[in-house]
Amino acid sequence: MGYEARAHATPQDRRRTQETSAAAEPAEEAAVLVGGPADGTRIRVAGRPSVVQITYPCELDGPAGGARADALYVYRRDPRVESEPLRYGVDPASP
């Protein structure tokens, strides 16, 4: 099964990105996911989002009328890592 990744920027991330010049921070950076079902997966992120959301599709037992089910995992950026690859660890409180 594949997965889908989404990065969410918080208001603090947006402010920091706006305050930092484009020359000082690359548009995209390499990151690695640590722990959970996507352990070791390498991704590219823009603007150093504080959270990356990973979803895996779930199989449905019967007709769903167009609905789908996904398992959701949240990975949080490790603020101690300042150079590439950035590190995102699985949040144990993920549903």
Protein backbone atom coordinates (compact mmCIF):
# COMPACT_ATOMS: atom_id res chain seq x y z
CA MET A 1 0.00 0.00 0.00
CA GLY A 2 1.13 3.53 -0.69
CA TYR A 3 0.81 6.55 1.49
CA GLU A 4 0.12 10.23 1.10
CA ALA A 5 2.02 12.98 2.90
CA ARG A 6 0.80 16.48 3.71
CA ALA A 7 2.74 19.20 5.47
CA HIS A 8 0.89 21.79 7.53
CA ALA A 9 2.35 25.17 8.43
CA THR A 10 1.32 26.72 11.72
CA PRO A 11 0.90 30.50 12.10
CA GLN A 12 4.34 30.54 13.77
CA ASP A 13 5.85 28.74 10.75
CA ARG A 14 4.27 31.25 8.37
CA ARG A 15 5.58 34.22 10.40
CA ARG A 16 9.08 32.75 10.55
CA THR A 17 9.06 32.04 6.81
CA GLN A 18 7.91 35.58 6.03
CA GLU A 19 10.63 37.05 8.26
CA THR A 20 13.39 34.97 6.72
CA SER A 21 14.68 36.03 3.32
CA ALA A 22 14.37 33.60 0.43
CA ALA A 23 18.16 33.65 -0.06
CA ALA A 24 18.80 32.49 3.51
CA GLU A 25 16.51 29.47 3.37
CA PRO A 26 16.17 27.02 0.45
CA ALA A 27 12.74 26.60 -1.11
CA GLU A 28 12.74 22.86 -0.39
CA GLU A 29 14.76 20.76 2.02
CA ALA A 30 15.32 17.04 2.45
CA ALA A 31 13.68 15.43 5.48
CA VAL A 32 13.48 11.94 6.92
CA LEU A 33 10.56 10.39 8.83
CA VAL A 34 11.52 8.48 11.99
CA GLY A 35 9.36 5.81 13.64
CA GLY A 36 5.86 4.68 12.83
CA PRO A 37 4.75 3.14 9.54
CA ALA A 38 6.78 5.50 7.32
CA ASP A 39 10.06 5.01 9.23
CA GLY A 40 13.05 5.89 7.05
CA THR A 41 10.98 7.52 4.31
CA ARG A 42 12.71 10.53 2.77
CA ILE A 43 10.60 13.50 1.66
CA ARG A 44 11.11 17.12 0.57
CA VAL A 45 9.46 19.94 2.53
CA ALA A 46 9.13 23.67 1.90
CA GLY A 47 9.25 26.24 4.71
CA ARG A 48 10.12 23.74 7.47
CA PRO A 49 6.55 22.89 8.53
CA SER A 50 6.23 21.81 12.15
CA VAL A 51 3.94 18.87 11.27
CA VAL A 52 3.81 16.33 8.44
CA GLN A 53 0.70 14.18 8.08
CA ILE A 54 0.97 10.68 6.59
CA THR A 55 -2.09 8.68 5.56
CA TYR A 56 -2.46 5.06 4.47
CA PRO A 57 -5.62 3.90 2.67
CA CYS A 58 -7.68 1.29 4.53
CA GLU A 59 -9.65 -1.46 2.83
CA LEU A 60 -13.42 -1.30 3.29
CA ASP A 61 -15.44 -4.48 3.87
CA GLY A 62 -18.52 -3.38 1.96
CA PRO A 63 -20.06 -0.66 -0.15
CA ALA A 64 -19.25 2.78 1.19
CA GLY A 65 -21.17 5.00 -1.20
CA GLY A 66 -18.01 6.77 -2.35
CA ALA A 67 -16.50 7.15 1.13
CA ARG A 68 -12.95 6.08 1.88
CA ALA A 69 -11.07 5.38 5.09
CA ASP A 70 -7.46 6.38 5.80
CA ALA A 71 -5.19 5.65 8.75
CA LEU A 72 -3.64 8.95 9.89
CA TYR A 73 -0.16 9.40 11.38
CA VAL A 74 1.36 12.71 12.49
CA TYR A 75 5.09 13.40 12.39
CA ARG A 76 6.51 16.44 14.22
CA ARG A 77 9.72 18.26 13.27
CA ASP A 78 12.64 17.90 15.67
CA PRO A 79 13.60 21.55 16.36
CA ARG A 80 17.13 20.52 17.40
CA VAL A 81 17.97 19.51 13.83
CA GLU A 82 18.93 22.62 11.87
CA SER A 83 20.50 21.15 8.71
CA GLU A 84 19.41 18.66 6.07
CA PRO A 85 18.03 16.14 6.34
CA LEU A 86 15.45 17.58 8.72
CA ARG A 87 14.03 15.01 11.13
CA TYR A 88 10.33 14.35 11.73
CA GLY A 89 9.46 11.88 14.50
CA VAL A 90 6.16 10.05 14.78
CA ASP A 91 3.83 11.59 17.35
CA PRO A 92 2.76 8.78 19.71
CA ALA A 93 -0.53 10.61 20.32
CA SER A 94 -1.50 10.14 16.64
CA PRO A 95 -4.94 8.59 16.34
